[in-house]
Amino acid sequence: MRHRRLCTTLLYGILILVACDAPATDEENPLEGLPEASLTETLRLGGADAPEAEAFDVPPSLAVDSEGRLYALHRGRAQVALFDPEGSFVHWVAGAGSGPGEFTIPVRLGLVGDTLWVGDGVSQRISRFGPDGAHLSTRTAPWDFGIPMGAPQSEGGYLEGGRVWAEPTARPLGIEGRIDLPVLVGPPGLATADTLFHVRVPRRNLQGLFWAAFEVPPYHAVAPDGSGILLAEWDPASPATVELRFFDPGGQVTREATLPVPVRPMTSERRNEAIEEGTAQIEALGERLRESGLAEAGIPQPDRSITEAQLYLPENVPPIRRVQVGLDGSWWLQLADDMEAGPWLALDPEGIPRFTLHLPDEATLGLARLDRVWGITTDDFDVPRVVRWELEVP
């Protein structure tokens, strides 16, 4: 696979990565000094008293077209609601069922040009729709990673040029520790797929309970317009930088950047916090299983030493928690604030850091541009809402 490299060197203000013998420490944060964007809410959909089209049962997946229209995936209704730029409901796309263009449990959606695609996790099908909501095509797209997985796997969705990608979305069965599985791109069916990179898929089975391990980069994100896939890599052995690479649908690297990040050692206090959090998660999961009747009441409580052994804690705290590609080609990285998720760092399409963004408490980032973002919040009754904010950068 030939790589066309357009390297970006981050020589930007205090973000210059100076060659030195010692890495950055907690007191030497190379990301400090960037302006912070302020938010002004311009749209809100959903909540406890919302009309039917805005009555989200779970946080919806979102897509925005070139005209600013918003697509919101209702998983419970197995439908997609379309709203105009002012938030007025336009029409429903498809519905529940097993026929062409219908869904069982839709799990993701995206736009390539003015064509909407929706992936159904249970039927392993991908359907496409025109801008007027008319059904264009449906194809079955199962994918076999060569090992038993905890849920059916299928192609992830469409990219530009009619290509598709596939990535593992469930945990492997019968495997302890971590396993690396590929992220692939190619024509539908992936008969001639290219492997872009591998992602670490954790699998845990501790005293009869399944649980998520302590996760570290690499992280990746598919561009919402299907233009490619962003990879953010962090090597625990070289903890002072994050390497960013953007793959186009043909599998070529078209943009790269090196981002300096602070180094935070995994102190004994931080290590204990991670162990306690992991133990609490396992206890909570065991309680839910007992309450649901899916497991016997005699599930033993997790042992702290076993929890610590299976967390695979690195020597340093991972500097990022999540990555995303903006609608305008920008890159977004959620920074780690010690052991917790911190603010978002926005980089322009050339890979240059521009500003940081603190979302309101409990809000998650759905879609982004350098001038506005769409997020998911909840009301006082924990009912999901979609909010759009305009950004102003000093």
Protein backbone atom coordinates (compact mmCIF):
# COMPACT_ATOMS: atom_id res chain seq x y z
CA MET A 1 0.00 0.00 0.00
CA ARG A 2 1.63 3.25 -1.13
CA HIS A 3 1.58 6.14 1.32
CA ARG A 4 1.52 9.75 0.11
CA ARG A 5 2.81 11.69 3.09
CA LEU A 6 2.03 15.34 3.60
CA CYS A 7 3.74 15.84 6.95
CA THR A 8 2.75 18.70 9.24
CA THR A 9 5.31 19.92 11.77
CA LEU A 10 3.75 21.57 14.78
CA LEU A 11 5.89 24.69 15.13
CA TYR A 12 3.12 26.75 16.65
CA GLY A 13 3.74 29.16 19.51
CA ILE A 14 4.56 27.40 22.72
CA LEU A 15 3.59 24.08 21.12
CA ILE A 16 7.06 23.85 19.57
CA LEU A 17 8.47 20.50 20.54
CA VAL A 18 12.00 21.34 21.74
CA ALA A 19 14.50 18.51 21.63
CA CYS A 20 15.66 17.84 25.17
CA ASP A 21 16.90 15.03 27.36
CA ALA A 22 13.97 15.04 29.80
CA PRO A 23 10.30 14.65 28.78
CA ALA A 24 7.59 17.05 29.89
CA THR A 25 6.26 16.56 33.41
CA ASP A 26 3.06 17.48 35.23
CA GLU A 27 4.45 21.00 35.68
CA GLU A 28 5.48 21.33 32.01
CA ASN A 29 2.35 21.11 29.90
CA PRO A 30 3.17 22.02 26.28
CA LEU A 31 -0.54 22.53 25.55
CA GLU A 32 -0.97 25.37 28.03
CA GLY A 33 -1.46 28.82 26.56
CA LEU A 34 -3.96 27.96 23.86
CA PRO A 35 -7.14 30.09 23.80
CA GLU A 36 -10.33 28.54 25.11
CA ALA A 37 -13.49 28.68 23.00
CA SER A 38 -16.73 29.91 24.51
CA LEU A 39 -20.12 28.38 23.67
CA THR A 40 -23.46 29.93 22.77
CA GLU A 41 -26.41 27.56 22.54
CA THR A 42 -28.34 27.98 19.27
CA LEU A 43 -30.45 24.81 19.12
CA ARG A 44 -31.91 22.26 21.54
CA LEU A 45 -33.89 19.14 20.65
CA GLY A 46 -35.31 16.52 22.98
CA GLY A 47 -36.04 16.26 26.67
CA ALA A 48 -38.87 14.86 28.79
CA ASP A 49 -41.67 16.89 27.15
CA ALA A 50 -40.33 16.82 23.58
CA PRO A 51 -42.50 16.00 20.56
CA GLU A 52 -42.31 12.52 19.06
CA ALA A 53 -39.50 13.25 16.58
CA GLU A 54 -37.33 14.55 19.44
CA ALA A 55 -38.21 11.86 21.99
CA PHE A 56 -34.84 10.10 22.08
CA ASP A 57 -34.80 6.90 24.13
CA VAL A 58 -31.01 6.71 24.11
CA PRO A 59 -28.36 9.24 23.01
CA PRO A 60 -28.78 9.43 19.22
CA SER A 61 -26.08 9.15 16.60
CA LEU A 62 -25.91 12.30 14.48
CA ALA A 63 -25.07 13.40 10.94
CA VAL A 64 -25.22 16.84 9.31
CA ASP A 65 -25.40 17.46 5.54
CA SER A 66 -23.97 20.33 3.50
CA GLU A 67 -27.18 22.33 3.97
CA GLY A 68 -26.97 22.10 7.76
CA ARG A 69 -29.83 19.60 8.09
CA LEU A 70 -29.49 17.26 11.05
CA TYR A 71 -30.09 13.48 10.95
CA ALA A 72 -30.69 11.87 14.35
CA LEU A 73 -30.81 8.08 14.73
CA HIS A 74 -33.60 6.80 17.04
CA ARG A 75 -32.43 3.32 17.99
CA GLY A 76 -35.61 2.42 19.88
CA ARG A 77 -37.88 3.45 17.00
CA ALA A 78 -35.47 2.04 14.40
CA GLN A 79 -35.86 5.27 12.44
CA VAL A 80 -33.90 8.36 11.51
CA ALA A 81 -35.42 11.82 12.09
CA LEU A 82 -34.43 14.66 9.77
CA PHE A 83 -34.47 18.26 11.04
CA ASP A 84 -33.86 21.46 9.09
CA PRO A 85 -31.08 23.89 10.20
CA GLU A 86 -33.53 25.69 12.51
CA GLY A 87 -34.50 22.42 14.24
CA SER A 88 -37.91 21.91 12.65
CA PHE A 89 -38.82 18.29 11.94
CA VAL A 90 -38.84 17.45 8.20
CA HIS A 91 -39.60 13.73 7.91
CA TRP A 92 -38.73 10.22 9.07
CA VAL A 93 -36.31 8.02 7.16
CA ALA A 94 -37.28 4.31 6.96
CA GLY A 95 -38.64 2.37 9.93
CA ALA A 96 -38.61 -0.86 11.90
CA GLY A 97 -38.83 -4.13 9.99
CA SER A 98 -36.88 -6.73 8.07
CA GLY A 99 -37.50 -5.52 4.53
CA PRO A 100 -35.22 -3.46 2.28
CA GLY A 101 -34.48 -0.11 3.87
CA GLU A 102 -35.89 -1.19 7.25
CA PHE A 103 -33.99 -1.72 10.50
CA THR A 104 -33.99 -4.07 13.45
CA ILE A 105 -31.50 -2.31 15.73
CA PRO A 106 -29.72 0.45 13.79
CA VAL A 107 -26.39 1.27 15.39
CA ARG A 108 -24.66 3.88 13.19
CA LEU A 109 -25.20 6.28 10.34
CA GLY A 110 -23.22 8.61 8.10
CA LEU A 111 -23.32 10.76 4.99
CA VAL A 112 -21.28 10.49 1.80
CA GLY A 113 -22.19 13.51 -0.29
CA ASP A 114 -25.97 13.76 -0.06
CA THR A 115 -26.46 10.00 0.44
CA LEU A 116 -27.34 8.79 3.93
CA TRP A 117 -26.28 5.30 5.00
CA VAL A 118 -27.49 3.42 8.10
CA GLY A 119 -25.94 0.27 9.55
CA ASP A 120 -28.12 -2.34 11.30
CA GLY A 121 -26.21 -4.24 13.97
CA VAL A 122 -28.46 -7.30 14.21
CA SER A 123 -29.25 -7.95 10.55
CA GLN A 124 -25.69 -6.93 9.54
CA ARG A 125 -27.12 -4.85 6.72
CA ILE A 126 -26.30 -1.39 5.39
CA SER A 127 -29.00 0.71 3.71
CA ARG A 128 -28.62 3.91 1.69
CA PHE A 129 -31.13 6.73 1.23
CA GLY A 130 -31.35 9.84 -0.95
CA PRO A 131 -31.71 13.40 0.43
CA ASP A 132 -35.50 13.10 0.14
CA GLY A 133 -35.46 9.95 2.30
CA ALA A 134 -36.10 7.57 -0.62
CA HIS A 135 -34.55 4.12 -0.20
CA LEU A 136 -31.71 3.52 -2.67
CA SER A 137 -30.19 0.16 -1.75
CA THR A 138 -29.72 -2.40 1.01
CA ARG A 139 -26.95 -4.98 1.22
CA THR A 140 -25.97 -7.59 3.78
CA ALA A 141 -22.43 -6.95 4.97
CA PRO A 142 -21.27 -9.50 7.59
CA TRP A 143 -17.60 -9.66 8.44
CA ASP A 144 -15.59 -12.47 10.05
CA PHE A 145 -12.46 -11.51 12.01
CA GLY A 146 -11.49 -15.16 12.29
CA ILE A 147 -12.32 -15.58 15.98
CA PRO A 148 -15.60 -15.84 17.93
CA MET A 149 -16.90 -12.39 18.89
CA GLY A 150 -19.40 -11.37 21.53
CA ALA A 151 -21.80 -9.90 18.94
CA PRO A 152 -22.35 -10.14 15.18
CA GLN A 153 -19.76 -8.18 13.20
CA SER A 154 -20.37 -6.35 9.94
CA GLU A 155 -18.83 -3.71 7.73
CA GLY A 156 -18.84 -0.38 9.50
CA GLY A 157 -20.27 1.76 6.72
CA TYR A 158 -19.53 3.64 3.51
CA LEU A 159 -16.61 5.89 2.64
CA GLU A 160 -16.08 8.14 -0.38
CA GLY A 161 -15.72 6.44 -3.74
CA GLY A 162 -18.12 3.60 -2.84
CA ARG A 163 -15.59 2.00 -0.48
CA VAL A 164 -16.34 0.66 2.99
CA TRP A 165 -14.54 -0.02 6.23
CA ALA A 166 -14.73 -2.73 8.88
CA GLU A 167 -13.60 -2.63 12.50
CA PRO A 168 -14.20 -4.84 15.55
CA THR A 169 -17.16 -3.59 17.58
CA ALA A 170 -17.43 -6.38 20.16
CA ARG A 171 -15.10 -8.20 22.49
CA PRO A 172 -13.59 -11.56 21.51
CA LEU A 173 -14.88 -14.66 23.28
CA GLY A 174 -12.68 -17.18 25.04
CA ILE A 175 -9.56 -14.95 25.01
CA GLU A 176 -7.83 -13.52 28.08
CA GLY A 177 -5.82 -10.34 27.92
CA ARG A 178 -5.76 -8.17 24.80
CA ILE A 179 -5.87 -9.04 21.14
CA ASP A 180 -5.03 -6.84 18.14
CA LEU A 181 -7.62 -6.83 15.35
CA PRO A 182 -7.44 -4.97 12.03
CA VAL A 183 -9.28 -1.91 10.75
CA LEU A 184 -9.88 -2.50 7.03
CA VAL A 185 -10.88 -0.48 3.98
CA GLY A 186 -11.79 -1.70 0.51
CA PRO A 187 -14.64 -2.25 -1.92
CA PRO A 188 -17.96 -3.62 -0.60
CA GLY A 189 -17.38 -7.18 0.53
CA LEU A 190 -13.73 -6.36 1.34
CA ALA A 191 -12.44 -9.12 -0.91
CA THR A 192 -9.34 -6.99 -1.58
CA ALA A 193 -9.20 -5.07 1.69
CA ASP A 194 -6.25 -3.05 2.93
CA THR A 195 -5.35 -3.18 6.62
CA LEU A 196 -4.87 0.38 7.88
CA PHE A 197 -3.77 -0.47 11.41
CA HIS A 198 -4.66 -2.72 14.34
CA VAL A 199 -6.68 -1.80 17.43
CA ARG A 200 -6.39 -3.41 20.84
CA VAL A 201 -9.59 -5.18 21.81
CA PRO A 202 -9.64 -6.06 25.53
CA ARG A 203 -11.34 -9.20 26.78
CA ARG A 204 -11.88 -9.89 30.46
CA ASN A 205 -13.64 -12.68 32.26
CA LEU A 206 -13.03 -12.14 35.96
CA GLN A 207 -14.81 -14.53 38.33
CA GLY A 208 -17.64 -14.99 35.87
CA LEU A 209 -18.01 -11.30 34.98
CA PHE A 210 -17.28 -9.50 31.72
CA TRP A 211 -15.80 -6.06 32.14
CA ALA A 212 -13.86 -3.36 30.28
CA ALA A 213 -10.14 -3.12 30.82
CA PHE A 214 -8.14 0.06 31.35
CA GLU A 215 -7.89 1.35 27.78
CA VAL A 216 -4.95 3.19 26.23
CA PRO A 217 -4.41 4.57 22.72
CA PRO A 218 -4.34 3.98 19.80
CA TYR A 219 -7.74 5.55 19.20
CA HIS A 220 -9.35 6.11 15.82
CA ALA A 221 -12.36 7.86 14.30
CA VAL A 222 -14.09 7.71 10.91
CA ALA A 223 -14.66 11.08 9.24
CA PRO A 224 -18.39 11.91 9.26
CA ASP A 225 -18.30 12.69 5.52
CA GLY A 226 -16.59 9.40 4.63
CA SER A 227 -13.36 11.10 3.59
CA GLY A 228 -11.13 8.82 5.67
CA ILE A 229 -10.11 7.56 9.10
CA LEU A 230 -7.98 9.30 11.74
CA LEU A 231 -5.55 7.33 13.92
CA ALA A 232 -4.04 8.72 17.15
CA GLU A 233 -1.15 6.67 18.53
CA TRP A 234 0.60 7.01 21.88
CA ASP A 235 3.59 4.86 22.76
CA PRO A 236 3.94 4.38 26.54
CA ALA A 237 7.69 4.06 25.95
CA SER A 238 7.75 7.57 24.36
CA PRO A 239 5.00 9.29 26.33
CA ALA A 240 5.72 12.93 25.38
CA THR A 241 4.02 12.85 21.96
CA VAL A 242 0.87 11.66 20.21
CA GLU A 243 1.26 10.71 16.53
CA LEU A 244 -1.68 11.51 14.24
CA ARG A 245 -2.25 9.97 10.81
CA PHE A 246 -5.21 10.39 8.47
CA PHE A 247 -5.96 7.61 5.95
CA ASP A 248 -8.04 8.30 2.84
CA PRO A 249 -10.55 5.70 1.55
CA GLY A 250 -7.80 4.21 -0.62
CA GLY A 251 -5.70 3.45 2.44
CA GLN A 252 -3.08 6.15 1.85
CA VAL A 253 -1.84 8.48 4.57
CA THR A 254 -2.63 12.00 3.39
CA ARG A 255 -2.01 14.00 6.57
CA GLU A 256 0.27 13.52 9.56
CA ALA A 257 1.15 15.49 12.67
CA THR A 258 3.10 15.06 15.89
CA LEU A 259 1.47 16.56 18.96
CA PRO A 260 3.51 17.21 22.12
CA VAL A 261 1.64 16.23 25.29
CA PRO A 262 2.36 16.41 29.01
CA VAL A 263 3.79 13.35 30.72
CA ARG A 264 1.98 12.32 33.89
CA PRO A 265 3.53 9.40 35.76
CA MET A 266 1.16 6.75 37.04
CA THR A 267 1.72 7.50 40.72
CA SER A 268 0.64 5.13 43.46
CA GLU A 269 -2.35 7.40 44.17
CA ARG A 270 -3.43 7.35 40.50
CA ARG A 271 -2.86 3.61 40.32
CA ASN A 272 -5.04 3.06 43.38
CA GLU A 273 -7.78 5.24 41.85
CA ALA A 274 -7.76 3.12 38.69
CA ILE A 275 -7.87 -0.13 40.68
CA GLU A 276 -10.71 1.11 42.88
CA GLU A 277 -12.67 2.31 39.86
CA GLY A 278 -12.17 -1.03 38.08
CA THR A 279 -13.22 -2.97 41.17
CA ALA A 280 -16.32 -0.77 41.57
CA GLN A 281 -17.27 -1.33 37.92
CA ILE A 282 -17.05 -5.09 38.37
CA GLU A 283 -19.11 -4.96 41.56
CA ALA A 284 -21.77 -2.84 39.84
CA LEU A 285 -21.88 -5.20 36.88
CA GLY A 286 -22.28 -8.20 39.15
CA GLU A 287 -25.13 -6.50 40.97
CA ARG A 288 -26.91 -5.70 37.69
CA LEU A 289 -26.53 -9.30 36.56
CA ARG A 290 -27.98 -10.59 39.82
CA GLU A 291 -30.91 -8.16 39.67
CA SER A 292 -31.67 -9.12 36.07
CA GLY A 293 -31.59 -12.82 36.82
CA LEU A 294 -28.93 -13.38 34.16
CA ALA A 295 -26.43 -14.65 36.71
CA GLU A 296 -26.56 -16.61 39.93
CA ALA A 297 -26.81 -14.64 43.14
CA GLY A 298 -23.61 -16.26 44.39
CA ILE A 299 -21.22 -14.33 42.13
CA PRO A 300 -18.10 -13.67 44.24
CA GLN A 301 -16.88 -10.15 44.80
CA PRO A 302 -13.78 -9.24 42.75
CA ASP A 303 -10.42 -9.48 44.44
CA ARG A 304 -8.35 -6.27 44.35
CA SER A 305 -5.12 -8.07 43.48
CA ILE A 306 -6.76 -9.79 40.51
CA THR A 307 -8.23 -6.50 39.35
CA GLU A 308 -4.80 -4.84 39.48
CA ALA A 309 -3.14 -7.69 37.59
CA GLN A 310 -5.66 -7.49 34.75
CA LEU A 311 -5.74 -3.71 34.35
CA TYR A 312 -2.34 -3.56 32.59
CA LEU A 313 -1.73 -0.06 33.92
CA PRO A 314 1.03 1.79 32.01
CA GLU A 315 3.85 3.70 33.69
CA ASN A 316 2.30 7.00 32.59
CA VAL A 317 -1.29 8.21 32.39
CA PRO A 318 -2.51 8.15 28.75
CA PRO A 319 -2.78 11.80 27.56
CA ILE A 320 -5.94 11.45 25.45
CA ARG A 321 -9.28 9.69 25.85
CA ARG A 322 -10.99 9.97 22.47
CA VAL A 323 -10.53 11.36 18.96
CA GLN A 324 -12.94 12.69 16.36
CA VAL A 325 -12.87 14.11 12.83
CA GLY A 326 -14.76 17.35 12.24
CA LEU A 327 -17.24 18.07 9.47
CA ASP A 328 -14.71 20.58 8.07
CA GLY A 329 -11.73 18.22 8.19
CA SER A 330 -10.56 19.42 11.61
CA TRP A 331 -9.22 16.98 14.19
CA TRP A 332 -10.51 16.82 17.77
CA LEU A 333 -8.76 15.09 20.68
CA GLN A 334 -10.25 14.77 24.14
CA LEU A 335 -7.38 15.35 26.54
CA ALA A 336 -6.95 13.49 29.80
CA ASP A 337 -7.26 15.64 32.92
CA ASP A 338 -5.16 13.47 35.18
CA MET A 339 -7.25 10.25 35.42
CA GLU A 340 -10.45 11.87 34.15
CA ALA A 341 -11.60 13.02 30.72
CA GLY A 342 -10.66 16.64 30.17
CA PRO A 343 -11.28 19.35 27.57
CA TRP A 344 -11.28 18.90 23.81
CA LEU A 345 -8.34 20.11 21.75
CA ALA A 346 -9.26 21.37 18.27
CA LEU A 347 -6.71 21.13 15.45
CA ASP A 348 -7.29 22.66 12.03
CA PRO A 349 -7.17 20.51 8.85
CA GLU A 350 -3.39 21.08 8.68
CA GLY A 351 -2.95 19.55 12.12
CA ILE A 352 -2.20 22.82 13.94
CA PRO A 353 -3.73 23.15 17.44
CA ARG A 354 -6.07 26.16 17.56
CA PHE A 355 -8.01 26.13 20.84
CA THR A 356 -9.43 24.05 23.67
CA LEU A 357 -13.10 23.51 24.44
CA HIS A 358 -14.77 22.64 27.73
CA LEU A 359 -18.25 21.22 27.18
CA PRO A 360 -20.87 21.60 29.90
CA ASP A 361 -20.83 18.95 32.62
CA GLU A 362 -22.10 15.55 31.45
CA ALA A 363 -22.22 16.67 27.80
CA THR A 364 -20.60 14.51 25.13
CA LEU A 365 -19.36 15.67 21.73
CA GLY A 366 -21.41 14.43 18.80
CA LEU A 367 -20.26 16.41 15.75
CA ALA A 368 -17.86 19.30 15.39
CA ARG A 369 -16.57 22.09 13.22
CA LEU A 370 -14.15 24.82 14.14
CA ASP A 371 -17.05 27.28 14.43
CA ARG A 372 -19.76 25.08 16.01
CA VAL A 373 -20.35 21.74 17.74
CA TRP A 374 -23.28 19.42 18.33
CA GLY A 375 -23.44 17.54 21.63
CA ILE A 376 -25.60 15.20 23.66
CA THR A 377 -26.82 16.21 27.12
CA THR A 378 -29.64 15.03 29.40
CA ASP A 379 -32.42 16.84 31.23
CA ASP A 380 -33.27 16.49 34.93
CA PHE A 381 -34.95 13.15 34.17
CA ASP A 382 -31.91 11.78 32.30
CA VAL A 383 -33.71 12.04 28.96
CA PRO A 384 -31.26 12.69 26.08
CA ARG A 385 -31.16 16.03 24.31
CA VAL A 386 -29.26 17.24 21.24
CA VAL A 387 -27.71 20.69 21.61
CA ARG A 388 -25.89 22.84 19.06
CA TRP A 389 -23.44 25.50 20.20
CA GLU A 390 -21.74 28.24 18.21
CA LEU A 391 -18.07 28.73 19.13
CA GLU A 392 -16.18 31.95 19.66
CA VAL A 393 -12.40 31.82 19.98
CA PRO A 394 -10.58 34.82 21.52
